Amino acid sequence: MNKLSTSLIEPVFTTSYRVIYGDTDAAGVMYNANYLRLFEIGRTEMMRAWAMPYRAMEDLGCILPVTESYLRFKAPARYDDLVDIAVCLVEVSRLTCRFHYQISRHEENGPTAAAALLTKGFTVHACVNREGVLTPFPQEIALAIKAVLAQKKDTTPD
């Protein structure tokens, strides 16, 4: 995989978010750092739905700080836009995992209108314990997140 690849790989989880006034800057567009918050919202909801809630991972002694991130801005989100956050898990190792994201805004022309891509990117996370020491994923977490990756084999056509 290309280091800056941001392609979505099945299965893709999608959740929605309405841009609030506090997300925007003086130019009336979403402030750039807030896109990382949207990545976190998408990732958190995907993990809650398909693997386990972050709270459960923390209870098992695993904290997942971001160790690397990349964002590519294509168009701005503005106050009151309804955006879709699409996220997928693309890679898991003993110590890290990588997620890809796309944030898009649906045009107001109805359900058949094409989504406007706003931002795409990725984050890489390391498993650390409460002392901040890099540690392998606990078995229960490793099995849960690898099960998410295994879904792509079931959804990819032969």
C-alpha atoms as a PDB file:
ATOM      1  CA  MET A   1       0.000   0.000   0.000  1.00  0.00           C
ATOM      2  CA  ASN A   2       1.231   3.475  -0.891  1.00  0.00           C
ATOM      3  CA  LYS A   3       2.072   5.340   2.333  1.00  0.00           C
ATOM      4  CA  LEU A   4      -0.330   8.185   1.445  1.00  0.00           C
ATOM      5  CA  SER A   5      -3.088   5.926   0.135  1.00  0.00           C
ATOM      6  CA  THR A   6      -6.545   6.858   1.402  1.00  0.00           C
ATOM      7  CA  SER A   7      -8.681   4.440  -0.605  1.00  0.00           C
ATOM      8  CA  LEU A   8     -11.673   2.997   1.180  1.00  0.00           C
ATOM      9  CA  ILE A   9     -11.771  -0.791   1.378  1.00  0.00           C
ATOM     10  CA  GLU A  10     -14.916  -2.783   2.165  1.00  0.00           C
ATOM     11  CA  PRO A  11     -16.471  -2.952   4.619  1.00  0.00           C
ATOM     12  CA  VAL A  12     -17.053   0.791   4.954  1.00  0.00           C
ATOM     13  CA  PHE A  13     -18.900   2.232   7.935  1.00  0.00           C
ATOM     14  CA  THR A  14     -20.731   5.554   7.518  1.00  0.00           C
ATOM     15  CA  THR A  15     -22.142   7.946  10.089  1.00  0.00           C
ATOM     16  CA  SER A  16     -23.487  11.487   9.727  1.00  0.00           C
ATOM     17  CA  TYR A  17     -22.606  14.752  11.427  1.00  0.00           C
ATOM     18  CA  ARG A  18     -24.131  18.242  11.212  1.00  0.00           C
ATOM     19  CA  VAL A  19     -21.509  21.025  11.172  1.00  0.00           C
ATOM     20  CA  ILE A  20     -22.085  23.384  14.115  1.00  0.00           C
ATOM     21  CA  TYR A  21     -21.196  27.061  14.204  1.00  0.00           C
ATOM     22  CA  GLY A  22     -18.342  26.347  16.644  1.00  0.00           C
ATOM     23  CA  ASP A  23     -16.683  24.119  14.011  1.00  0.00           C
ATOM     24  CA  THR A  24     -16.206  27.048  11.627  1.00  0.00           C
ATOM     25  CA  ASP A  25     -13.570  29.768  11.362  1.00  0.00           C
ATOM     26  CA  ALA A  26     -13.764  33.459  10.447  1.00  0.00           C
ATOM     27  CA  ALA A  27     -14.131  32.526   6.768  1.00  0.00           C
ATOM     28  CA  GLY A  28     -17.297  30.545   7.569  1.00  0.00           C
ATOM     29  CA  VAL A  29     -15.804  27.161   6.728  1.00  0.00           C
ATOM     30  CA  MET A  30     -14.950  24.253   8.971  1.00  0.00           C
ATOM     31  CA  TYR A  31     -11.590  24.866  10.649  1.00  0.00           C
ATOM     32  CA  ASN A  32      -9.018  22.395   9.292  1.00  0.00           C
ATOM     33  CA  ALA A  33      -8.190  20.654  12.597  1.00  0.00           C
ATOM     34  CA  ASN A  34     -11.869  19.839  13.133  1.00  0.00           C
ATOM     35  CA  TYR A  35     -11.721  17.285  10.322  1.00  0.00           C
ATOM     36  CA  LEU A  36      -9.589  15.137  12.635  1.00  0.00           C
ATOM     37  CA  ARG A  37     -12.465  15.305  15.153  1.00  0.00           C
ATOM     38  CA  LEU A  38     -14.774  14.004  12.424  1.00  0.00           C
ATOM     39  CA  PHE A  39     -12.319  11.186  11.722  1.00  0.00           C
ATOM     40  CA  GLU A  40     -12.474  10.331  15.433  1.00  0.00           C
ATOM     41  CA  ILE A  41     -16.287  10.382  15.432  1.00  0.00           C
ATOM     42  CA  GLY A  42     -16.396   7.996  12.471  1.00  0.00           C
ATOM     43  CA  ARG A  43     -13.732   5.673  13.875  1.00  0.00           C
ATOM     44  CA  THR A  44     -15.308   5.591  17.344  1.00  0.00           C
ATOM     45  CA  GLU A  45     -18.760   4.776  15.975  1.00  0.00           C
ATOM     46  CA  MET A  46     -17.373   2.118  13.625  1.00  0.00           C
ATOM     47  CA  MET A  47     -15.488   0.423  16.460  1.00  0.00           C
ATOM     48  CA  ARG A  48     -18.582   0.607  18.711  1.00  0.00           C
ATOM     49  CA  ALA A  49     -20.758  -0.996  15.996  1.00  0.00           C
ATOM     50  CA  TRP A  50     -18.350  -3.602  14.590  1.00  0.00           C
ATOM     51  CA  ALA A  51     -15.679  -4.434  17.188  1.00  0.00           C
ATOM     52  CA  MET A  52     -15.953  -2.989  20.704  1.00  0.00           C
ATOM     53  CA  PRO A  53     -16.364   0.452  22.258  1.00  0.00           C
ATOM     54  CA  TYR A  54     -13.191   2.376  23.048  1.00  0.00           C
ATOM     55  CA  ARG A  55     -14.211   2.317  26.726  1.00  0.00           C
ATOM     56  CA  ALA A  56     -14.028  -1.494  26.677  1.00  0.00           C
ATOM     57  CA  MET A  57     -10.575  -1.342  25.062  1.00  0.00           C
ATOM     58  CA  GLU A  58      -9.396   1.055  27.768  1.00  0.00           C
ATOM     59  CA  ASP A  59     -10.798  -1.299  30.412  1.00  0.00           C
ATOM     60  CA  LEU A  60      -8.606  -4.025  28.870  1.00  0.00           C
ATOM     61  CA  GLY A  61      -5.571  -1.751  29.225  1.00  0.00           C
ATOM     62  CA  CYS A  62      -5.268  -0.507  25.621  1.00  0.00           C
ATOM     63  CA  ILE A  63      -5.192   3.159  24.654  1.00  0.00           C
ATOM     64  CA  LEU A  64      -4.954   4.026  20.939  1.00  0.00           C
ATOM     65  CA  PRO A  65      -3.225   7.383  20.434  1.00  0.00           C
ATOM     66  CA  VAL A  66      -2.834   8.716  16.908  1.00  0.00           C
ATOM     67  CA  THR A  67       0.771   8.279  15.798  1.00  0.00           C
ATOM     68  CA  GLU A  68       0.332   9.500  12.231  1.00  0.00           C
ATOM     69  CA  SER A  69      -2.354  11.379  10.313  1.00  0.00           C
ATOM     70  CA  TYR A  70      -2.874  12.683   6.806  1.00  0.00           C
ATOM     71  CA  LEU A  71      -5.639  14.867   5.418  1.00  0.00           C
ATOM     72  CA  ARG A  72      -6.262  15.969   1.837  1.00  0.00           C
ATOM     73  CA  PHE A  73      -8.764  18.806   1.529  1.00  0.00           C
ATOM     74  CA  LYS A  74     -10.904  18.877  -1.605  1.00  0.00           C
ATOM     75  CA  ALA A  75     -13.744  21.288  -0.711  1.00  0.00           C
ATOM     76  CA  PRO A  76     -14.886  23.060   2.467  1.00  0.00           C
ATOM     77  CA  ALA A  77     -17.657  22.078   4.843  1.00  0.00           C
ATOM     78  CA  ARG A  78     -19.759  25.021   6.029  1.00  0.00           C
ATOM     79  CA  TYR A  79     -22.029  25.726   8.968  1.00  0.00           C
ATOM     80  CA  ASP A  80     -25.135  23.494   9.008  1.00  0.00           C
ATOM     81  CA  ASP A  81     -23.859  21.126   6.296  1.00  0.00           C
ATOM     82  CA  LEU A  82     -24.847  17.527   6.879  1.00  0.00           C
ATOM     83  CA  VAL A  83     -21.747  15.455   6.169  1.00  0.00           C
ATOM     84  CA  ASP A  84     -21.185  11.734   5.933  1.00  0.00           C
ATOM     85  CA  ILE A  85     -18.082  10.286   7.542  1.00  0.00           C
ATOM     86  CA  ALA A  86     -17.034   7.049   5.828  1.00  0.00           C
ATOM     87  CA  VAL A  87     -14.348   5.002   7.570  1.00  0.00           C
ATOM     88  CA  CYS A  88     -12.705   1.636   7.110  1.00  0.00           C
ATOM     89  CA  LEU A  89     -10.037  -0.348   8.889  1.00  0.00           C
ATOM     90  CA  VAL A  90      -7.340  -1.242   6.374  1.00  0.00           C
ATOM     91  CA  GLU A  91      -4.448  -2.685   8.351  1.00  0.00           C
ATOM     92  CA  VAL A  92      -3.718  -4.264  11.734  1.00  0.00           C
ATOM     93  CA  SER A  93      -0.384  -5.404  13.120  1.00  0.00           C
ATOM     94  CA  ARG A  94       0.656  -6.601  16.591  1.00  0.00           C
ATOM     95  CA  LEU A  95       1.071  -2.985  17.731  1.00  0.00           C
ATOM     96  CA  THR A  96      -0.776  -0.680  15.327  1.00  0.00           C
ATOM     97  CA  CYS A  97      -3.850  -0.223  13.179  1.00  0.00           C
ATOM     98  CA  ARG A  98      -4.670   2.091  10.282  1.00  0.00           C
ATOM     99  CA  PHE A  99      -8.008   3.644   9.280  1.00  0.00           C
ATOM    100  CA  HIS A 100      -8.966   5.448   6.061  1.00  0.00           C
ATOM    101  CA  TYR A 101     -11.652   8.154   5.855  1.00  0.00           C
ATOM    102  CA  GLN A 102     -13.717  10.163   3.412  1.00  0.00           C
ATOM    103  CA  ILE A 103     -15.930  13.042   4.438  1.00  0.00           C
ATOM    104  CA  SER A 104     -18.559  14.090   1.934  1.00  0.00           C
ATOM    105  CA  ARG A 105     -21.521  16.446   1.726  1.00  0.00           C
ATOM    106  CA  HIS A 106     -24.673  15.430  -0.085  1.00  0.00           C
ATOM    107  CA  GLU A 107     -25.998  17.938  -2.541  1.00  0.00           C
ATOM    108  CA  GLU A 108     -29.462  19.310  -1.800  1.00  0.00           C
ATOM    109  CA  ASN A 109     -30.850  18.046  -5.123  1.00  0.00           C
ATOM    110  CA  GLY A 110     -32.352  14.894  -3.634  1.00  0.00           C
ATOM    111  CA  PRO A 111     -31.286  11.341  -2.881  1.00  0.00           C
ATOM    112  CA  THR A 112     -29.893  10.694  -6.372  1.00  0.00           C
ATOM    113  CA  ALA A 113     -27.481  13.655  -6.232  1.00  0.00           C
ATOM    114  CA  ALA A 114     -23.799  12.817  -6.118  1.00  0.00           C
ATOM    115  CA  ALA A 115     -21.969  13.328  -2.847  1.00  0.00           C
ATOM    116  CA  ALA A 116     -19.343  16.080  -2.873  1.00  0.00           C
ATOM    117  CA  LEU A 117     -16.022  14.807  -1.497  1.00  0.00           C
ATOM    118  CA  LEU A 118     -14.720  17.292   1.082  1.00  0.00           C
ATOM    119  CA  THR A 119     -11.777  15.557   2.738  1.00  0.00           C
ATOM    120  CA  LYS A 120     -10.010  12.225   2.667  1.00  0.00           C
ATOM    121  CA  GLY A 121      -7.237  10.883   4.810  1.00  0.00           C
ATOM    122  CA  PHE A 122      -5.954   8.308   7.244  1.00  0.00           C
ATOM    123  CA  THR A 123      -4.846   7.838  10.822  1.00  0.00           C
ATOM    124  CA  VAL A 124      -2.466   5.296  12.317  1.00  0.00           C
ATOM    125  CA  HIS A 125      -2.822   4.299  15.970  1.00  0.00           C
ATOM    126  CA  ALA A 126      -0.474   2.481  18.338  1.00  0.00           C
ATOM    127  CA  CYS A 127      -1.582   0.308  21.226  1.00  0.00           C
ATOM    128  CA  VAL A 128      -0.088   1.656  24.455  1.00  0.00           C
ATOM    129  CA  ASN A 129      -0.780   0.786  28.074  1.00  0.00           C
ATOM    130  CA  ARG A 130      -1.803   3.303  30.743  1.00  0.00           C
ATOM    131  CA  GLU A 131       1.858   4.199  31.302  1.00  0.00           C
ATOM    132  CA  GLY A 132       2.203   5.082  27.612  1.00  0.00           C
ATOM    133  CA  VAL A 133       4.394   2.091  26.794  1.00  0.00           C
ATOM    134  CA  LEU A 134       3.946   0.495  23.374  1.00  0.00           C
ATOM    135  CA  THR A 135       2.385  -2.931  23.860  1.00  0.00           C
ATOM    136  CA  PRO A 136       0.779  -5.619  21.678  1.00  0.00           C
ATOM    137  CA  PHE A 137      -3.002  -5.546  21.390  1.00  0.00           C
ATOM    138  CA  PRO A 138      -4.624  -7.644  24.117  1.00  0.00           C
ATOM    139  CA  GLN A 139      -5.976 -10.859  22.561  1.00  0.00           C
ATOM    140  CA  GLU A 140      -9.652  -9.890  22.968  1.00  0.00           C
ATOM    141  CA  ILE A 141      -9.072  -6.596  21.136  1.00  0.00           C
ATOM    142  CA  ALA A 142      -6.888  -8.168  18.453  1.00  0.00           C
ATOM    143  CA  LEU A 143      -9.588 -10.738  17.684  1.00  0.00           C
ATOM    144  CA  ALA A 144     -12.325  -8.079  17.534  1.00  0.00           C
ATOM    145  CA  ILE A 145     -10.481  -5.763  15.158  1.00  0.00           C
ATOM    146  CA  LYS A 146      -9.162  -8.586  12.992  1.00  0.00           C
ATOM    147  CA  ALA A 147     -12.777  -9.749  12.622  1.00  0.00           C
ATOM    148  CA  VAL A 148     -13.558  -6.343  11.069  1.00  0.00           C
ATOM    149  CA  LEU A 149     -10.716  -6.841   8.585  1.00  0.00           C
ATOM    150  CA  ALA A 150     -11.941 -10.364   7.823  1.00  0.00           C
ATOM    151  CA  GLN A 151     -15.286  -8.925   6.678  1.00  0.00           C
ATOM    152  CA  LYS A 152     -13.614  -7.472   3.600  1.00  0.00           C
ATOM    153  CA  LYS A 153     -12.931 -10.996   2.353  1.00  0.00           C
ATOM    154  CA  ASP A 154     -16.657 -11.691   2.587  1.00  0.00           C
ATOM    155  CA  THR A 155     -17.681  -8.514   0.733  1.00  0.00           C
ATOM    156  CA  THR A 156     -15.051  -8.462  -2.010  1.00  0.00           C
ATOM    157  CA  PRO A 157     -16.215 -10.116  -5.256  1.00  0.00           C
ATOM    158  CA  ASP A 158     -14.047 -12.972  -6.541  1.00  0.00           C
END
